[in-house]
Amino acid sequence: MKTYFRNNGLSICFLILFGGTLIGQILFGFEEHNKELISEGGKIISLGSYLLSGHFIESTFENWESEFLQMGLFVVFTIFLKQKGSSESKKINQKEEVDREPDPNRKNAPWPVKKGGFILTLYKHSLSASLLLLFLISLILHFYGSLKDENEKLLLEGKQLETISSFIKNSRFWFESFQNWQSEFLSVFAIVILSIYLRQIGSSQSKPVDAPNMETGV
């Protein structure tokens, strides 16, 4: 068990943080949403109903969407874009291990590498494809949750409900998306630039403390 936690500590730590913060979001979001319902003349809903509400679905997938977009684009852009001096960039004028062609005879090579052909072609792009697929799924669920939440409010006000075609042009949905996208792109820009000049001893995201500022990559 000790070996398992040592070998998987990073993923376990972030999974625990994810679970804890999701529970916090649910509890405080549930309370906040019921406050809004009361102020708008509606009735308090149960926790189970809240988990199916537009308020919860929109707020959850709005954030997931921006995370997967940021990670997917970062994976793709680092294939061909470089930043001199950054630990987040490939080296400027030389090939790296990640650029080598897969060798089916390599020890412990994954099965798609040994299989070859179309399976290997898919596997070579599976990380970026998976992240961008998760982005699209989250975007659709964000849209669905946002539309549902908007219509729940309109219903309480006795107003005409939004349709899919009308809501896709609604400023609310796009405001929710862009306010998250810009923060994700800023965070990537920050780590790319700050890693040129700043260090964190022991971190795989930092260059060695004594490395020159213009040394690129880890």
C-alpha atoms as a PDB file:
ATOM      1  CA  MET A   1       0.000   0.000   0.000  1.00  0.00           C
ATOM      2  CA  LYS A   2       2.835   2.376   0.850  1.00  0.00           C
ATOM      3  CA  THR A   3       4.433   1.685  -2.547  1.00  0.00           C
ATOM      4  CA  TYR A   4       1.110   2.312  -4.303  1.00  0.00           C
ATOM      5  CA  PHE A   5       0.681   5.723  -2.687  1.00  0.00           C
ATOM      6  CA  ARG A   6       4.312   6.607  -3.395  1.00  0.00           C
ATOM      7  CA  ASN A   7       3.894   5.734  -7.075  1.00  0.00           C
ATOM      8  CA  ASN A   8       0.527   7.478  -7.448  1.00  0.00           C
ATOM      9  CA  GLY A   9       0.761  10.303  -4.928  1.00  0.00           C
ATOM     10  CA  LEU A  10       0.309  13.162  -7.410  1.00  0.00           C
ATOM     11  CA  SER A  11      -2.902  11.812  -8.968  1.00  0.00           C
ATOM     12  CA  ILE A  12      -4.310  10.726  -5.592  1.00  0.00           C
ATOM     13  CA  CYS A  13      -3.638  14.153  -4.070  1.00  0.00           C
ATOM     14  CA  PHE A  14      -5.416  16.008  -6.880  1.00  0.00           C
ATOM     15  CA  LEU A  15      -8.296  13.506  -6.917  1.00  0.00           C
ATOM     16  CA  ILE A  16      -8.844  14.144  -3.195  1.00  0.00           C
ATOM     17  CA  LEU A  17      -8.649  17.913  -3.749  1.00  0.00           C
ATOM     18  CA  PHE A  18     -11.128  17.605  -6.624  1.00  0.00           C
ATOM     19  CA  GLY A  19     -13.562  15.575  -4.521  1.00  0.00           C
ATOM     20  CA  GLY A  20     -13.325  17.950  -1.563  1.00  0.00           C
ATOM     21  CA  THR A  21     -13.812  21.085  -3.614  1.00  0.00           C
ATOM     22  CA  LEU A  22     -16.675  19.526  -5.611  1.00  0.00           C
ATOM     23  CA  ILE A  23     -18.468  18.724  -2.349  1.00  0.00           C
ATOM     24  CA  GLY A  24     -17.867  22.307  -1.231  1.00  0.00           C
ATOM     25  CA  GLN A  25     -19.262  23.626  -4.515  1.00  0.00           C
ATOM     26  CA  ILE A  26     -22.358  21.443  -4.175  1.00  0.00           C
ATOM     27  CA  LEU A  27     -23.095  22.433  -0.576  1.00  0.00           C
ATOM     28  CA  PHE A  28     -22.571  26.169  -1.006  1.00  0.00           C
ATOM     29  CA  GLY A  29     -24.133  26.202  -4.483  1.00  0.00           C
ATOM     30  CA  PHE A  30     -27.197  24.398  -3.096  1.00  0.00           C
ATOM     31  CA  GLU A  31     -27.565  27.015  -0.369  1.00  0.00           C
ATOM     32  CA  GLU A  32     -26.990  29.927  -2.761  1.00  0.00           C
ATOM     33  CA  HIS A  33     -29.447  28.609  -5.344  1.00  0.00           C
ATOM     34  CA  ASN A  34     -32.189  28.189  -2.750  1.00  0.00           C
ATOM     35  CA  LYS A  35     -31.591  31.776  -1.621  1.00  0.00           C
ATOM     36  CA  GLU A  36     -32.061  32.901  -5.215  1.00  0.00           C
ATOM     37  CA  LEU A  37     -35.241  30.822  -5.585  1.00  0.00           C
ATOM     38  CA  ILE A  38     -36.765  32.310  -2.436  1.00  0.00           C
ATOM     39  CA  SER A  39     -35.913  35.863  -3.518  1.00  0.00           C
ATOM     40  CA  GLU A  40     -37.534  35.211  -6.912  1.00  0.00           C
ATOM     41  CA  GLY A  41     -40.712  33.780  -5.383  1.00  0.00           C
ATOM     42  CA  GLY A  42     -39.902  30.122  -5.952  1.00  0.00           C
ATOM     43  CA  LYS A  43     -39.823  27.118  -3.618  1.00  0.00           C
ATOM     44  CA  ILE A  44     -36.814  25.538  -1.926  1.00  0.00           C
ATOM     45  CA  ILE A  45     -35.571  22.427  -3.720  1.00  0.00           C
ATOM     46  CA  SER A  46     -33.889  19.284  -2.346  1.00  0.00           C
ATOM     47  CA  LEU A  47     -30.213  18.473  -2.743  1.00  0.00           C
ATOM     48  CA  GLY A  48     -31.065  15.748  -5.256  1.00  0.00           C
ATOM     49  CA  SER A  49     -33.061  18.204  -7.354  1.00  0.00           C
ATOM     50  CA  TYR A  50     -30.219  20.700  -7.160  1.00  0.00           C
ATOM     51  CA  LEU A  51     -27.798  18.198  -8.705  1.00  0.00           C
ATOM     52  CA  LEU A  52     -30.097  18.057 -11.756  1.00  0.00           C
ATOM     53  CA  SER A  53     -30.655  21.811 -11.874  1.00  0.00           C
ATOM     54  CA  GLY A  54     -29.298  24.142 -14.523  1.00  0.00           C
ATOM     55  CA  HIS A  55     -27.495  26.108 -11.802  1.00  0.00           C
ATOM     56  CA  PHE A  56     -25.308  23.122 -10.818  1.00  0.00           C
ATOM     57  CA  ILE A  57     -24.776  21.755 -14.336  1.00  0.00           C
ATOM     58  CA  GLU A  58     -23.841  25.171 -15.760  1.00  0.00           C
ATOM     59  CA  SER A  59     -21.447  26.137 -12.954  1.00  0.00           C
ATOM     60  CA  THR A  60     -19.690  22.739 -13.045  1.00  0.00           C
ATOM     61  CA  PHE A  61     -19.182  22.255 -16.760  1.00  0.00           C
ATOM     62  CA  GLU A  62     -18.468  25.927 -17.427  1.00  0.00           C
ATOM     63  CA  ASN A  63     -15.237  25.415 -15.484  1.00  0.00           C
ATOM     64  CA  TRP A  64     -14.416  21.951 -16.817  1.00  0.00           C
ATOM     65  CA  GLU A  65     -14.829  23.265 -20.351  1.00  0.00           C
ATOM     66  CA  SER A  66     -12.153  25.949 -19.915  1.00  0.00           C
ATOM     67  CA  GLU A  67      -9.733  23.549 -18.210  1.00  0.00           C
ATOM     68  CA  PHE A  68      -9.911  20.960 -20.977  1.00  0.00           C
ATOM     69  CA  LEU A  69      -9.633  23.650 -23.661  1.00  0.00           C
ATOM     70  CA  GLN A  70      -6.530  25.076 -22.018  1.00  0.00           C
ATOM     71  CA  MET A  71      -4.845  21.684 -21.584  1.00  0.00           C
ATOM     72  CA  GLY A  72      -5.782  20.480 -25.055  1.00  0.00           C
ATOM     73  CA  LEU A  73      -4.453  23.590 -26.800  1.00  0.00           C
ATOM     74  CA  PHE A  74      -1.311  23.574 -24.653  1.00  0.00           C
ATOM     75  CA  VAL A  75      -0.562  19.972 -25.638  1.00  0.00           C
ATOM     76  CA  VAL A  76      -1.101  20.791 -29.340  1.00  0.00           C
ATOM     77  CA  PHE A  77       0.724  24.140 -29.399  1.00  0.00           C
ATOM     78  CA  THR A  78       3.828  22.765 -27.649  1.00  0.00           C
ATOM     79  CA  ILE A  79       4.313  20.435 -30.612  1.00  0.00           C
ATOM     80  CA  PHE A  80       5.421  23.295 -32.868  1.00  0.00           C
ATOM     81  CA  LEU A  81       5.567  26.490 -30.762  1.00  0.00           C
ATOM     82  CA  LYS A  82       8.541  27.183 -28.494  1.00  0.00           C
ATOM     83  CA  GLN A  83       9.561  29.700 -25.829  1.00  0.00           C
ATOM     84  CA  LYS A  84      13.249  30.248 -25.283  1.00  0.00           C
ATOM     85  CA  GLY A  85      14.216  29.779 -21.652  1.00  0.00           C
ATOM     86  CA  SER A  86      10.916  28.240 -20.514  1.00  0.00           C
ATOM     87  CA  SER A  87      10.760  24.886 -18.744  1.00  0.00           C
ATOM     88  CA  GLU A  88       7.385  24.356 -20.479  1.00  0.00           C
ATOM     89  CA  SER A  89       8.901  24.419 -23.977  1.00  0.00           C
ATOM     90  CA  LYS A  90      10.826  21.949 -26.089  1.00  0.00           C
ATOM     91  CA  LYS A  91      14.396  22.949 -26.870  1.00  0.00           C
ATOM     92  CA  ILE A  92      14.744  25.460 -29.697  1.00  0.00           C
ATOM     93  CA  ASN A  93      17.038  23.840 -32.265  1.00  0.00           C
ATOM     94  CA  GLN A  94      17.107  20.138 -31.528  1.00  0.00           C
ATOM     95  CA  LYS A  95      14.926  17.057 -31.577  1.00  0.00           C
ATOM     96  CA  GLU A  96      13.724  15.628 -28.280  1.00  0.00           C
ATOM     97  CA  GLU A  97      12.631  12.201 -27.067  1.00  0.00           C
ATOM     98  CA  VAL A  98       8.964  13.089 -27.628  1.00  0.00           C
ATOM     99  CA  ASP A  99       9.690  13.625 -31.339  1.00  0.00           C
ATOM    100  CA  ARG A 100      11.002  10.122 -32.005  1.00  0.00           C
ATOM    101  CA  GLU A 101       8.987   7.655 -34.058  1.00  0.00           C
ATOM    102  CA  PRO A 102       7.476   4.807 -32.008  1.00  0.00           C
ATOM    103  CA  ASP A 103       9.446   1.542 -32.002  1.00  0.00           C
ATOM    104  CA  PRO A 104       7.350  -1.653 -31.567  1.00  0.00           C
ATOM    105  CA  ASN A 105      10.487  -3.486 -30.418  1.00  0.00           C
ATOM    106  CA  ARG A 106      11.073  -1.103 -27.519  1.00  0.00           C
ATOM    107  CA  LYS A 107      10.836  -2.806 -24.117  1.00  0.00           C
ATOM    108  CA  ASN A 108       7.352  -2.486 -22.546  1.00  0.00           C
ATOM    109  CA  ALA A 109       6.019  -0.523 -25.537  1.00  0.00           C
ATOM    110  CA  PRO A 110       2.214   0.019 -25.231  1.00  0.00           C
ATOM    111  CA  TRP A 111       0.078  -2.422 -27.209  1.00  0.00           C
ATOM    112  CA  PRO A 112      -1.069   0.166 -29.829  1.00  0.00           C
ATOM    113  CA  VAL A 113       2.609   0.676 -30.740  1.00  0.00           C
ATOM    114  CA  LYS A 114       3.017  -3.063 -31.254  1.00  0.00           C
ATOM    115  CA  LYS A 115      -0.277  -3.241 -33.164  1.00  0.00           C
ATOM    116  CA  GLY A 116       0.701  -0.485 -35.611  1.00  0.00           C
ATOM    117  CA  GLY A 117      -1.382   0.809 -38.508  1.00  0.00           C
ATOM    118  CA  PHE A 118      -4.543   2.825 -37.856  1.00  0.00           C
ATOM    119  CA  ILE A 119      -4.528   1.979 -34.145  1.00  0.00           C
ATOM    120  CA  LEU A 120      -1.050   3.456 -33.800  1.00  0.00           C
ATOM    121  CA  THR A 121      -2.055   6.574 -35.756  1.00  0.00           C
ATOM    122  CA  LEU A 122      -4.919   7.169 -33.315  1.00  0.00           C
ATOM    123  CA  TYR A 123      -2.689   6.468 -30.318  1.00  0.00           C
ATOM    124  CA  LYS A 124      -0.084   8.992 -31.492  1.00  0.00           C
ATOM    125  CA  HIS A 125      -2.692  11.756 -31.117  1.00  0.00           C
ATOM    126  CA  SER A 126      -4.789  10.235 -28.335  1.00  0.00           C
ATOM    127  CA  LEU A 127      -3.844  12.716 -25.592  1.00  0.00           C
ATOM    128  CA  SER A 128      -4.784  15.887 -27.494  1.00  0.00           C
ATOM    129  CA  ALA A 129      -7.840  14.196 -29.040  1.00  0.00           C
ATOM    130  CA  SER A 130      -9.122  13.070 -25.634  1.00  0.00           C
ATOM    131  CA  LEU A 131      -8.666  16.513 -24.063  1.00  0.00           C
ATOM    132  CA  LEU A 132     -10.407  18.274 -26.943  1.00  0.00           C
ATOM    133  CA  LEU A 133     -13.237  15.706 -26.888  1.00  0.00           C
ATOM    134  CA  LEU A 134     -13.675  16.343 -23.152  1.00  0.00           C
ATOM    135  CA  PHE A 135     -13.769  20.071 -23.960  1.00  0.00           C
ATOM    136  CA  LEU A 136     -16.562  19.574 -26.505  1.00  0.00           C
ATOM    137  CA  ILE A 137     -18.581  17.389 -24.109  1.00  0.00           C
ATOM    138  CA  SER A 138     -18.151  19.962 -21.329  1.00  0.00           C
ATOM    139  CA  LEU A 139     -19.089  22.803 -23.712  1.00  0.00           C
ATOM    140  CA  ILE A 140     -22.317  21.039 -24.671  1.00  0.00           C
ATOM    141  CA  LEU A 141     -23.190  20.312 -21.024  1.00  0.00           C
ATOM    142  CA  HIS A 142     -22.338  23.894 -20.070  1.00  0.00           C
ATOM    143  CA  PHE A 143     -24.695  25.149 -22.792  1.00  0.00           C
ATOM    144  CA  TYR A 144     -27.407  22.746 -21.657  1.00  0.00           C
ATOM    145  CA  GLY A 145     -27.042  23.767 -17.998  1.00  0.00           C
ATOM    146  CA  SER A 146     -26.932  27.468 -18.789  1.00  0.00           C
ATOM    147  CA  LEU A 147     -30.048  27.222 -20.985  1.00  0.00           C
ATOM    148  CA  LYS A 148     -31.857  25.205 -18.318  1.00  0.00           C
ATOM    149  CA  ASP A 149     -30.918  27.686 -15.589  1.00  0.00           C
ATOM    150  CA  GLU A 150     -32.018  30.632 -17.729  1.00  0.00           C
ATOM    151  CA  ASN A 151     -35.369  28.997 -18.444  1.00  0.00           C
ATOM    152  CA  GLU A 152     -35.887  28.125 -14.770  1.00  0.00           C
ATOM    153  CA  LYS A 153     -35.524  31.852 -13.979  1.00  0.00           C
ATOM    154  CA  LEU A 154     -37.761  32.920 -16.877  1.00  0.00           C
ATOM    155  CA  LEU A 155     -40.424  30.433 -15.765  1.00  0.00           C
ATOM    156  CA  LEU A 156     -40.502  31.996 -12.276  1.00  0.00           C
ATOM    157  CA  GLU A 157     -40.858  35.439 -13.877  1.00  0.00           C
ATOM    158  CA  GLY A 158     -43.614  34.262 -16.207  1.00  0.00           C
ATOM    159  CA  LYS A 159     -41.631  35.194 -19.303  1.00  0.00           C
ATOM    160  CA  GLN A 160     -41.174  33.414 -22.643  1.00  0.00           C
ATOM    161  CA  LEU A 161     -38.612  30.599 -22.481  1.00  0.00           C
ATOM    162  CA  GLU A 162     -35.421  30.539 -24.510  1.00  0.00           C
ATOM    163  CA  THR A 163     -34.938  28.004 -27.307  1.00  0.00           C
ATOM    164  CA  ILE A 164     -31.633  26.406 -28.260  1.00  0.00           C
ATOM    165  CA  SER A 165     -31.369  28.562 -31.392  1.00  0.00           C
ATOM    166  CA  SER A 166     -32.084  31.788 -29.526  1.00  0.00           C
ATOM    167  CA  PHE A 167     -29.920  31.039 -26.500  1.00  0.00           C
ATOM    168  CA  ILE A 168     -26.822  30.232 -28.542  1.00  0.00           C
ATOM    169  CA  LYS A 169     -26.836  33.931 -29.500  1.00  0.00           C
ATOM    170  CA  ASN A 170     -27.416  34.982 -25.898  1.00  0.00           C
ATOM    171  CA  SER A 171     -24.637  37.083 -24.350  1.00  0.00           C
ATOM    172  CA  ARG A 172     -24.923  35.159 -21.047  1.00  0.00           C
ATOM    173  CA  PHE A 173     -23.596  31.883 -22.470  1.00  0.00           C
ATOM    174  CA  TRP A 174     -20.681  33.486 -24.268  1.00  0.00           C
ATOM    175  CA  PHE A 175     -19.838  35.712 -21.289  1.00  0.00           C
ATOM    176  CA  GLU A 176     -19.651  32.603 -19.082  1.00  0.00           C
ATOM    177  CA  SER A 177     -17.327  30.924 -21.582  1.00  0.00           C
ATOM    178  CA  PHE A 178     -14.987  33.810 -22.331  1.00  0.00           C
ATOM    179  CA  GLN A 179     -14.543  34.825 -18.691  1.00  0.00           C
ATOM    180  CA  ASN A 180     -13.175  31.343 -17.989  1.00  0.00           C
ATOM    181  CA  TRP A 181     -11.182  30.916 -21.188  1.00  0.00           C
ATOM    182  CA  GLN A 182      -9.240  34.154 -20.680  1.00  0.00           C
ATOM    183  CA  SER A 183      -8.212  33.145 -17.144  1.00  0.00           C
ATOM    184  CA  GLU A 184      -6.947  29.760 -18.341  1.00  0.00           C
ATOM    185  CA  PHE A 185      -4.888  31.296 -21.144  1.00  0.00           C
ATOM    186  CA  LEU A 186      -3.443  33.834 -18.703  1.00  0.00           C
ATOM    187  CA  SER A 187      -2.388  31.057 -16.318  1.00  0.00           C
ATOM    188  CA  VAL A 188      -0.567  29.204 -19.121  1.00  0.00           C
ATOM    189  CA  PHE A 189       1.146  32.417 -20.211  1.00  0.00           C
ATOM    190  CA  ALA A 190       2.213  33.009 -16.600  1.00  0.00           C
ATOM    191  CA  ILE A 191       3.829  29.573 -16.090  1.00  0.00           C
ATOM    192  CA  VAL A 192       5.535  29.707 -19.509  1.00  0.00           C
ATOM    193  CA  ILE A 193       7.098  33.133 -18.825  1.00  0.00           C
ATOM    194  CA  LEU A 194       7.716  32.850 -15.070  1.00  0.00           C
ATOM    195  CA  SER A 195       9.516  29.510 -15.502  1.00  0.00           C
ATOM    196  CA  ILE A 196      12.178  31.339 -17.538  1.00  0.00           C
ATOM    197  CA  TYR A 197      13.329  33.436 -14.586  1.00  0.00           C
ATOM    198  CA  LEU A 198      11.960  31.744 -11.461  1.00  0.00           C
ATOM    199  CA  ARG A 199      12.675  28.326  -9.938  1.00  0.00           C
ATOM    200  CA  GLN A 200      11.136  25.759  -7.589  1.00  0.00           C
ATOM    201  CA  ILE A 201      13.624  23.200  -6.374  1.00  0.00           C
ATOM    202  CA  GLY A 202      12.324  19.655  -6.697  1.00  0.00           C
ATOM    203  CA  SER A 203       9.472  20.439  -9.120  1.00  0.00           C
ATOM    204  CA  SER A 204       9.236  18.825 -12.560  1.00  0.00           C
ATOM    205  CA  GLN A 205       7.719  22.097 -13.793  1.00  0.00           C
ATOM    206  CA  SER A 206      10.886  24.062 -13.015  1.00  0.00           C
ATOM    207  CA  LYS A 207      14.389  24.078 -14.405  1.00  0.00           C
ATOM    208  CA  PRO A 208      17.230  23.245 -11.996  1.00  0.00           C
ATOM    209  CA  VAL A 209      17.877  26.170  -9.662  1.00  0.00           C
ATOM    210  CA  ASP A 210      21.349  26.769 -11.110  1.00  0.00           C
ATOM    211  CA  ALA A 211      20.233  26.553 -14.761  1.00  0.00           C
ATOM    212  CA  PRO A 212      20.778  29.678 -16.902  1.00  0.00           C
ATOM    213  CA  ASN A 213      17.649  31.717 -17.617  1.00  0.00           C
ATOM    214  CA  MET A 214      17.861  31.092 -21.353  1.00  0.00           C
ATOM    215  CA  GLU A 215      18.228  27.320 -20.996  1.00  0.00           C
ATOM    216  CA  THR A 216      15.073  25.892 -22.580  1.00  0.00           C
ATOM    217  CA  GLY A 217      13.188  22.864 -21.275  1.00  0.00           C
ATOM    218  CA  VAL A 218      13.670  20.908 -18.060  1.00  0.00           C
END
